[in-house]
Amino acid sequence: MLMVGTLMHAKHLSRSPFEIAISLVVPVVQAVLAVYLFRSGGEQDRLLQAAVGAGLMGVWSSVLFGSGGAIQNQRWQGTLEMIMMAPRRPVVVILPLTIATGITGTYSLLATLIWGRVLFGIRLDFAHPYAFPVAAAVCIVALGMFGLLLASTFVLMRNANALANVLEYPVWLVSGMLVPLTVLPTWTGPIAAALPTTWGARALHEATTGGPVWPSVAMCLAISGLCLALGAAALTVVERRARVTATLALA
């Protein structure tokens, strides 16, 4: 069911003109901005890291807005009630939505790397070339699990994109996707440590520049599992609440 649902929602996203336009334009713009920012700061040796960070930002945006948009689209189309009434746990029905957005978001990471290579001549010399695809896959899974946790609130909100707009930039910063965590205030440390996006971004950066990749991958998977458990519990709670109050379509 997870495989069929993920494939169906991935096909649905691939046929949305809005999703296609965002996926084509935003990653390239972010990559250009990141490269010029690093160049102006005299950090030529970190251009590959800038391209990877910009790609991660695109994947996160895809998951965040894709998860919220998917729930919202189901509500607009009048199918959200049928999805929540399916004889399966809500997490099994909603999880393919978030996984599909993560998979389609992988284009952002690939596009920024290819764009950086073609336009700026960035050499794709990864310190751990074999660990990089593993870290990328784990990071995408982590984003999908985090999206599932957020989806429980999206089910109850009339305009899910309102919450997505609030979360996009803070998670970029606190996760260290582009800006090092060492330059952020110390009070952001515990928040960053609790986010799977932080460990996924760290694993990718370590695979790019060198460092212990596998501890970060393990932490990313552990927190992703926690997000899956919390998201499953939260979806069950909000589903029951919506059924009792009969407000699922009007939430």
C-alpha atoms as a PDB file:
ATOM      1  CA  MET A   1       0.000   0.000   0.000  1.00  0.00           C
ATOM      2  CA  LEU A   2       2.870   2.367   0.791  1.00  0.00           C
ATOM      3  CA  MET A   3       4.505   1.693  -2.567  1.00  0.00           C
ATOM      4  CA  VAL A   4       1.291   2.106  -4.557  1.00  0.00           C
ATOM      5  CA  GLY A   5       0.309   5.243  -2.642  1.00  0.00           C
ATOM      6  CA  THR A   6       3.748   6.805  -3.051  1.00  0.00           C
ATOM      7  CA  LEU A   7       3.763   6.096  -6.788  1.00  0.00           C
ATOM      8  CA  MET A   8       0.266   7.513  -7.214  1.00  0.00           C
ATOM      9  CA  HIS A   9       1.041  10.739  -5.368  1.00  0.00           C
ATOM     10  CA  ALA A  10       4.387  11.124  -7.152  1.00  0.00           C
ATOM     11  CA  LYS A  11       2.545  10.889 -10.485  1.00  0.00           C
ATOM     12  CA  HIS A  12      -0.009  13.401  -9.244  1.00  0.00           C
ATOM     13  CA  LEU A  13       2.723  15.874  -8.271  1.00  0.00           C
ATOM     14  CA  SER A  14       4.487  15.379 -11.615  1.00  0.00           C
ATOM     15  CA  ARG A  15       1.309  16.511 -13.400  1.00  0.00           C
ATOM     16  CA  SER A  16       0.856  19.718 -11.420  1.00  0.00           C
ATOM     17  CA  PRO A  17       2.001  22.793 -13.414  1.00  0.00           C
ATOM     18  CA  PHE A  18       2.611  24.682 -10.170  1.00  0.00           C
ATOM     19  CA  GLU A  19       4.777  21.914  -8.682  1.00  0.00           C
ATOM     20  CA  ILE A  20       6.727  21.552 -11.914  1.00  0.00           C
ATOM     21  CA  ALA A  21       7.369  25.294 -12.168  1.00  0.00           C
ATOM     22  CA  ILE A  22       8.492  25.531  -8.556  1.00  0.00           C
ATOM     23  CA  SER A  23      10.727  22.470  -8.878  1.00  0.00           C
ATOM     24  CA  LEU A  24      12.381  23.822 -12.026  1.00  0.00           C
ATOM     25  CA  VAL A  25      12.930  27.428 -10.972  1.00  0.00           C
ATOM     26  CA  VAL A  26      13.440  27.613  -7.206  1.00  0.00           C
ATOM     27  CA  PRO A  27      16.416  25.212  -6.861  1.00  0.00           C
ATOM     28  CA  VAL A  28      18.333  26.990  -9.627  1.00  0.00           C
ATOM     29  CA  VAL A  29      17.705  30.421  -8.105  1.00  0.00           C
ATOM     30  CA  GLN A  30      18.756  29.205  -4.673  1.00  0.00           C
ATOM     31  CA  ALA A  31      21.919  27.631  -6.078  1.00  0.00           C
ATOM     32  CA  VAL A  32      22.908  30.845  -7.878  1.00  0.00           C
ATOM     33  CA  LEU A  33      22.329  32.952  -4.766  1.00  0.00           C
ATOM     34  CA  ALA A  34      24.249  30.543  -2.542  1.00  0.00           C
ATOM     35  CA  VAL A  35      27.250  30.384  -4.876  1.00  0.00           C
ATOM     36  CA  TYR A  36      27.466  34.172  -5.234  1.00  0.00           C
ATOM     37  CA  LEU A  37      27.134  34.635  -1.465  1.00  0.00           C
ATOM     38  CA  PHE A  38      29.983  32.233  -0.802  1.00  0.00           C
ATOM     39  CA  ARG A  39      32.094  33.794  -3.550  1.00  0.00           C
ATOM     40  CA  SER A  40      31.585  37.308  -2.221  1.00  0.00           C
ATOM     41  CA  GLY A  41      32.647  36.066   1.197  1.00  0.00           C
ATOM     42  CA  GLY A  42      35.902  34.716  -0.212  1.00  0.00           C
ATOM     43  CA  GLU A  43      34.959  31.090   0.444  1.00  0.00           C
ATOM     44  CA  GLN A  44      35.722  29.590  -2.945  1.00  0.00           C
ATOM     45  CA  ASP A  45      36.589  26.265  -1.350  1.00  0.00           C
ATOM     46  CA  ARG A  46      33.028  25.881  -0.055  1.00  0.00           C
ATOM     47  CA  LEU A  47      31.142  26.284  -3.342  1.00  0.00           C
ATOM     48  CA  LEU A  48      30.305  22.573  -3.496  1.00  0.00           C
ATOM     49  CA  GLN A  49      28.988  22.764   0.049  1.00  0.00           C
ATOM     50  CA  ALA A  50      26.902  25.777  -0.989  1.00  0.00           C
ATOM     51  CA  ALA A  51      25.396  23.814  -3.896  1.00  0.00           C
ATOM     52  CA  VAL A  52      24.546  20.883  -1.601  1.00  0.00           C
ATOM     53  CA  GLY A  53      23.006  23.219   0.992  1.00  0.00           C
ATOM     54  CA  ALA A  54      20.893  24.970  -1.638  1.00  0.00           C
ATOM     55  CA  GLY A  55      19.694  21.591  -2.861  1.00  0.00           C
ATOM     56  CA  LEU A  56      18.669  20.607   0.658  1.00  0.00           C
ATOM     57  CA  MET A  57      16.731  23.842   0.972  1.00  0.00           C
ATOM     58  CA  GLY A  58      14.833  22.910  -2.169  1.00  0.00           C
ATOM     59  CA  VAL A  59      14.060  19.418  -0.884  1.00  0.00           C
ATOM     60  CA  TRP A  60      12.770  20.835   2.410  1.00  0.00           C
ATOM     61  CA  SER A  61      10.549  23.338   0.604  1.00  0.00           C
ATOM     62  CA  SER A  62       9.179  20.556  -1.572  1.00  0.00           C
ATOM     63  CA  VAL A  63       8.353  18.385   1.438  1.00  0.00           C
ATOM     64  CA  LEU A  64       6.916  21.235   3.489  1.00  0.00           C
ATOM     65  CA  PHE A  65       4.684  22.754   0.848  1.00  0.00           C
ATOM     66  CA  GLY A  66       4.024  19.424  -0.846  1.00  0.00           C
ATOM     67  CA  SER A  67       2.738  17.833   2.364  1.00  0.00           C
ATOM     68  CA  GLY A  68       0.572  20.804   3.199  1.00  0.00           C
ATOM     69  CA  GLY A  69      -0.560  21.226  -0.374  1.00  0.00           C
ATOM     70  CA  ALA A  70      -1.392  17.539  -0.744  1.00  0.00           C
ATOM     71  CA  ILE A  71      -3.670  17.584   2.298  1.00  0.00           C
ATOM     72  CA  GLN A  72      -5.227  20.835   1.119  1.00  0.00           C
ATOM     73  CA  ASN A  73      -5.792  19.454  -2.370  1.00  0.00           C
ATOM     74  CA  GLN A  74      -7.508  16.381  -0.962  1.00  0.00           C
ATOM     75  CA  ARG A  75      -9.819  18.668   1.018  1.00  0.00           C
ATOM     76  CA  TRP A  76     -10.608  20.813  -2.030  1.00  0.00           C
ATOM     77  CA  GLN A  77     -11.296  17.748  -4.146  1.00  0.00           C
ATOM     78  CA  GLY A  78     -13.587  16.273  -1.497  1.00  0.00           C
ATOM     79  CA  THR A  79     -11.468  13.138  -1.063  1.00  0.00           C
ATOM     80  CA  LEU A  80      -9.933  13.864   2.344  1.00  0.00           C
ATOM     81  CA  GLU A  81     -12.908  12.295   4.117  1.00  0.00           C
ATOM     82  CA  MET A  82     -12.572   9.105   2.077  1.00  0.00           C
ATOM     83  CA  ILE A  83      -8.855   8.954   2.780  1.00  0.00           C
ATOM     84  CA  MET A  84      -9.378   9.286   6.522  1.00  0.00           C
ATOM     85  CA  MET A  85     -12.250   6.768   6.429  1.00  0.00           C
ATOM     86  CA  ALA A  86     -10.149   4.101   4.704  1.00  0.00           C
ATOM     87  CA  PRO A  87      -9.893   0.821   6.664  1.00  0.00           C
ATOM     88  CA  ARG A  88      -6.249   1.512   7.448  1.00  0.00           C
ATOM     89  CA  ARG A  89      -4.470   3.496  10.115  1.00  0.00           C
ATOM     90  CA  PRO A  90      -4.197   7.170   9.082  1.00  0.00           C
ATOM     91  CA  VAL A  91      -0.405   7.028   9.084  1.00  0.00           C
ATOM     92  CA  VAL A  92      -0.435   4.360   6.353  1.00  0.00           C
ATOM     93  CA  VAL A  93      -2.647   6.574   4.197  1.00  0.00           C
ATOM     94  CA  ILE A  94      -0.871   9.887   4.773  1.00  0.00           C
ATOM     95  CA  LEU A  95       2.728   8.618   4.781  1.00  0.00           C
ATOM     96  CA  PRO A  96       2.839   8.075   0.977  1.00  0.00           C
ATOM     97  CA  LEU A  97       1.986  11.764   0.542  1.00  0.00           C
ATOM     98  CA  THR A  98       5.050  12.917   2.447  1.00  0.00           C
ATOM     99  CA  ILE A  99       7.347  10.281   0.950  1.00  0.00           C
ATOM    100  CA  ALA A 100       6.264  11.291  -2.555  1.00  0.00           C
ATOM    101  CA  THR A 101       7.072  14.937  -1.884  1.00  0.00           C
ATOM    102  CA  GLY A 102      10.509  13.917  -0.621  1.00  0.00           C
ATOM    103  CA  ILE A 103      11.181  11.805  -3.696  1.00  0.00           C
ATOM    104  CA  THR A 104      10.119  14.551  -6.092  1.00  0.00           C
ATOM    105  CA  GLY A 105      12.236  16.966  -4.078  1.00  0.00           C
ATOM    106  CA  THR A 106      15.389  15.012  -4.922  1.00  0.00           C
ATOM    107  CA  TYR A 107      15.358  16.885  -8.209  1.00  0.00           C
ATOM    108  CA  SER A 108      16.331  20.015  -6.262  1.00  0.00           C
ATOM    109  CA  LEU A 109      19.504  18.381  -4.984  1.00  0.00           C
ATOM    110  CA  LEU A 110      20.433  16.994  -8.394  1.00  0.00           C
ATOM    111  CA  ALA A 111      19.589  20.242 -10.175  1.00  0.00           C
ATOM    112  CA  THR A 112      21.740  22.405  -7.911  1.00  0.00           C
ATOM    113  CA  LEU A 113      24.731  20.096  -8.312  1.00  0.00           C
ATOM    114  CA  ILE A 114      24.392  19.911 -12.104  1.00  0.00           C
ATOM    115  CA  TRP A 115      23.712  23.650 -12.380  1.00  0.00           C
ATOM    116  CA  GLY A 116      26.739  24.454 -10.243  1.00  0.00           C
ATOM    117  CA  ARG A 117      28.934  22.203 -12.346  1.00  0.00           C
ATOM    118  CA  VAL A 118      27.730  23.513 -15.711  1.00  0.00           C
ATOM    119  CA  LEU A 119      27.399  27.229 -14.925  1.00  0.00           C
ATOM    120  CA  PHE A 120      30.047  27.816 -12.245  1.00  0.00           C
ATOM    121  CA  GLY A 121      32.460  24.986 -12.947  1.00  0.00           C
ATOM    122  CA  ILE A 122      32.181  23.542  -9.438  1.00  0.00           C
ATOM    123  CA  ARG A 123      34.050  20.266  -9.253  1.00  0.00           C
ATOM    124  CA  LEU A 124      31.956  17.506  -7.748  1.00  0.00           C
ATOM    125  CA  ASP A 125      34.777  16.137  -5.614  1.00  0.00           C
ATOM    126  CA  PHE A 126      33.014  14.543  -2.662  1.00  0.00           C
ATOM    127  CA  ALA A 127      35.188  13.498   0.255  1.00  0.00           C
ATOM    128  CA  HIS A 128      33.082  10.338   0.665  1.00  0.00           C
ATOM    129  CA  PRO A 129      31.570   9.666  -2.791  1.00  0.00           C
ATOM    130  CA  TYR A 130      30.027   6.343  -1.782  1.00  0.00           C
ATOM    131  CA  ALA A 131      28.576   7.670   1.467  1.00  0.00           C
ATOM    132  CA  PHE A 132      27.020  10.718  -0.232  1.00  0.00           C
ATOM    133  CA  PRO A 133      24.097   8.902  -1.950  1.00  0.00           C
ATOM    134  CA  VAL A 134      23.400   6.973   1.254  1.00  0.00           C
ATOM    135  CA  ALA A 135      23.350  10.202   3.267  1.00  0.00           C
ATOM    136  CA  ALA A 136      21.109  11.815   0.631  1.00  0.00           C
ATOM    137  CA  ALA A 137      18.620   8.928   0.782  1.00  0.00           C
ATOM    138  CA  VAL A 138      18.569   9.017   4.589  1.00  0.00           C
ATOM    139  CA  CYS A 139      18.112  12.789   4.579  1.00  0.00           C
ATOM    140  CA  ILE A 140      15.156  12.533   2.195  1.00  0.00           C
ATOM    141  CA  VAL A 141      13.575   9.837   4.376  1.00  0.00           C
ATOM    142  CA  ALA A 142      14.100  12.095   7.410  1.00  0.00           C
ATOM    143  CA  LEU A 143      12.377  14.982   5.652  1.00  0.00           C
ATOM    144  CA  GLY A 144       9.481  12.715   4.757  1.00  0.00           C
ATOM    145  CA  MET A 145       9.083  11.559   8.370  1.00  0.00           C
ATOM    146  CA  PHE A 146       9.240  15.151   9.603  1.00  0.00           C
ATOM    147  CA  GLY A 147       6.637  16.061   6.989  1.00  0.00           C
ATOM    148  CA  LEU A 148       4.420  13.281   8.336  1.00  0.00           C
ATOM    149  CA  LEU A 149       4.638  14.789  11.814  1.00  0.00           C
ATOM    150  CA  LEU A 150       3.642  18.177  10.428  1.00  0.00           C
ATOM    151  CA  ALA A 151       0.839  16.620   8.384  1.00  0.00           C
ATOM    152  CA  SER A 152      -1.126  15.918  11.551  1.00  0.00           C
ATOM    153  CA  THR A 153      -1.552  19.679  11.995  1.00  0.00           C
ATOM    154  CA  PHE A 154      -2.182  20.175   8.286  1.00  0.00           C
ATOM    155  CA  VAL A 155      -5.231  17.896   8.528  1.00  0.00           C
ATOM    156  CA  LEU A 156      -6.851  20.246  11.027  1.00  0.00           C
ATOM    157  CA  MET A 157      -5.932  23.539   9.358  1.00  0.00           C
ATOM    158  CA  ARG A 158      -8.087  25.177   6.698  1.00  0.00           C
ATOM    159  CA  ASN A 159      -5.043  26.783   5.085  1.00  0.00           C
ATOM    160  CA  ALA A 160      -2.066  24.504   5.675  1.00  0.00           C
ATOM    161  CA  ASN A 161       0.255  26.715   3.652  1.00  0.00           C
ATOM    162  CA  ALA A 162      -0.005  29.363   6.373  1.00  0.00           C
ATOM    163  CA  LEU A 163       1.934  27.077   8.729  1.00  0.00           C
ATOM    164  CA  ALA A 164       4.291  26.044   5.943  1.00  0.00           C
ATOM    165  CA  ASN A 165       5.240  29.672   5.285  1.00  0.00           C
ATOM    166  CA  VAL A 166       6.150  30.121   8.948  1.00  0.00           C
ATOM    167  CA  LEU A 167       8.295  26.985   9.136  1.00  0.00           C
ATOM    168  CA  GLU A 168      10.247  27.200   5.890  1.00  0.00           C
ATOM    169  CA  TYR A 169      13.027  29.687   6.677  1.00  0.00           C
ATOM    170  CA  PRO A 170      13.525  28.901  10.396  1.00  0.00           C
ATOM    171  CA  VAL A 171      14.119  25.212   9.647  1.00  0.00           C
ATOM    172  CA  TRP A 172      16.562  26.186   6.885  1.00  0.00           C
ATOM    173  CA  LEU A 173      18.607  28.176   9.369  1.00  0.00           C
ATOM    174  CA  VAL A 174      18.359  26.003  12.473  1.00  0.00           C
ATOM    175  CA  SER A 175      19.164  22.821  10.532  1.00  0.00           C
ATOM    176  CA  GLY A 176      22.399  24.265   9.184  1.00  0.00           C
ATOM    177  CA  MET A 177      21.518  23.523   5.574  1.00  0.00           C
ATOM    178  CA  LEU A 178      23.455  26.526   4.301  1.00  0.00           C
ATOM    179  CA  VAL A 179      24.572  28.544   7.336  1.00  0.00           C
ATOM    180  CA  PRO A 180      26.869  26.797   9.867  1.00  0.00           C
ATOM    181  CA  LEU A 181      25.252  26.184  13.235  1.00  0.00           C
ATOM    182  CA  THR A 182      28.285  27.717  14.951  1.00  0.00           C
ATOM    183  CA  VAL A 183      27.242  31.216  13.838  1.00  0.00           C
ATOM    184  CA  LEU A 184      23.752  30.889  15.330  1.00  0.00           C
ATOM    185  CA  PRO A 185      22.817  31.819  18.933  1.00  0.00           C
ATOM    186  CA  THR A 186      23.535  29.131  21.508  1.00  0.00           C
ATOM    187  CA  TRP A 187      19.843  28.743  22.412  1.00  0.00           C
ATOM    188  CA  THR A 188      19.210  27.272  18.950  1.00  0.00           C
ATOM    189  CA  GLY A 189      21.458  24.287  19.734  1.00  0.00           C
ATOM    190  CA  PRO A 190      18.835  22.109  21.508  1.00  0.00           C
ATOM    191  CA  ILE A 191      16.271  22.896  18.813  1.00  0.00           C
ATOM    192  CA  ALA A 192      18.699  21.921  16.059  1.00  0.00           C
ATOM    193  CA  ALA A 193      19.652  18.699  17.833  1.00  0.00           C
ATOM    194  CA  ALA A 194      15.993  17.626  17.989  1.00  0.00           C
ATOM    195  CA  LEU A 195      15.375  18.042  14.250  1.00  0.00           C
ATOM    196  CA  PRO A 196      16.075  15.178  11.833  1.00  0.00           C
ATOM    197  CA  THR A 197      16.822  17.768   9.164  1.00  0.00           C
ATOM    198  CA  THR A 198      19.860  18.906  11.153  1.00  0.00           C
ATOM    199  CA  TRP A 199      21.447  15.458  11.213  1.00  0.00           C
ATOM    200  CA  GLY A 200      20.538  14.778   7.597  1.00  0.00           C
ATOM    201  CA  ALA A 201      22.134  18.046   6.496  1.00  0.00           C
ATOM    202  CA  ARG A 202      25.189  17.319   8.653  1.00  0.00           C
ATOM    203  CA  ALA A 203      25.587  13.860   7.121  1.00  0.00           C
ATOM    204  CA  LEU A 204      25.479  15.319   3.609  1.00  0.00           C
ATOM    205  CA  HIS A 205      27.943  18.091   4.440  1.00  0.00           C
ATOM    206  CA  GLU A 206      30.320  15.591   6.049  1.00  0.00           C
ATOM    207  CA  ALA A 207      30.075  13.343   2.997  1.00  0.00           C
ATOM    208  CA  THR A 208      30.887  16.403   0.888  1.00  0.00           C
ATOM    209  CA  THR A 209      33.751  17.965   2.838  1.00  0.00           C
ATOM    210  CA  GLY A 210      34.937  15.078   5.013  1.00  0.00           C
ATOM    211  CA  GLY A 211      33.996  13.909   8.479  1.00  0.00           C
ATOM    212  CA  PRO A 212      32.281  11.060  10.362  1.00  0.00           C
ATOM    213  CA  VAL A 213      29.237  10.497   8.161  1.00  0.00           C
ATOM    214  CA  TRP A 214      27.758   7.385   9.763  1.00  0.00           C
ATOM    215  CA  PRO A 215      27.121   8.738  13.306  1.00  0.00           C
ATOM    216  CA  SER A 216      25.082  11.568  11.763  1.00  0.00           C
ATOM    217  CA  VAL A 217      23.238   9.068   9.552  1.00  0.00           C
ATOM    218  CA  ALA A 218      22.421   6.943  12.608  1.00  0.00           C
ATOM    219  CA  MET A 219      21.116   9.947  14.566  1.00  0.00           C
ATOM    220  CA  CYS A 220      19.070  11.040  11.550  1.00  0.00           C
ATOM    221  CA  LEU A 221      17.443   7.621  11.293  1.00  0.00           C
ATOM    222  CA  ALA A 222      16.766   7.461  15.039  1.00  0.00           C
ATOM    223  CA  ILE A 223      15.034  10.860  15.121  1.00  0.00           C
ATOM    224  CA  SER A 224      13.175   9.978  11.918  1.00  0.00           C
ATOM    225  CA  GLY A 225      11.800   6.873  13.633  1.00  0.00           C
ATOM    226  CA  LEU A 226      10.672   9.035  16.535  1.00  0.00           C
ATOM    227  CA  CYS A 227       8.952  11.432  14.121  1.00  0.00           C
ATOM    228  CA  LEU A 228       7.211   8.462  12.512  1.00  0.00           C
ATOM    229  CA  ALA A 229       5.911   7.238  15.871  1.00  0.00           C
ATOM    230  CA  LEU A 230       4.813  10.713  16.984  1.00  0.00           C
ATOM    231  CA  GLY A 231       3.234  11.444  13.602  1.00  0.00           C
ATOM    232  CA  ALA A 232       1.286   8.174  13.666  1.00  0.00           C
ATOM    233  CA  ALA A 233      -0.025   8.918  17.175  1.00  0.00           C
ATOM    234  CA  ALA A 234      -0.867  12.526  16.302  1.00  0.00           C
ATOM    235  CA  LEU A 235      -2.746  11.529  13.153  1.00  0.00           C
ATOM    236  CA  THR A 236      -4.836   9.052  15.139  1.00  0.00           C
ATOM    237  CA  VAL A 237      -5.707  11.748  17.670  1.00  0.00           C
ATOM    238  CA  VAL A 238      -6.657  14.396  15.113  1.00  0.00           C
ATOM    239  CA  GLU A 239      -8.642  11.872  13.081  1.00  0.00           C
ATOM    240  CA  ARG A 240     -10.738  10.950  16.108  1.00  0.00           C
ATOM    241  CA  ARG A 241     -11.188  14.595  17.015  1.00  0.00           C
ATOM    242  CA  ALA A 242     -12.322  15.446  13.487  1.00  0.00           C
ATOM    243  CA  ARG A 243     -14.750  12.512  13.452  1.00  0.00           C
ATOM    244  CA  VAL A 244     -16.269  13.493  16.803  1.00  0.00           C
ATOM    245  CA  THR A 245     -16.728  17.153  15.842  1.00  0.00           C
ATOM    246  CA  ALA A 246     -17.549  16.409  12.170  1.00  0.00           C
ATOM    247  CA  THR A 247     -15.166  19.168  11.052  1.00  0.00           C
ATOM    248  CA  LEU A 248     -12.692  17.285   8.858  1.00  0.00           C
ATOM    249  CA  ALA A 249     -13.765  18.987   5.636  1.00  0.00           C
ATOM    250  CA  LEU A 250     -14.237  22.369   7.345  1.00  0.00           C
ATOM    251  CA  ALA A 251     -11.148  22.395   9.591  1.00  0.00           C
END
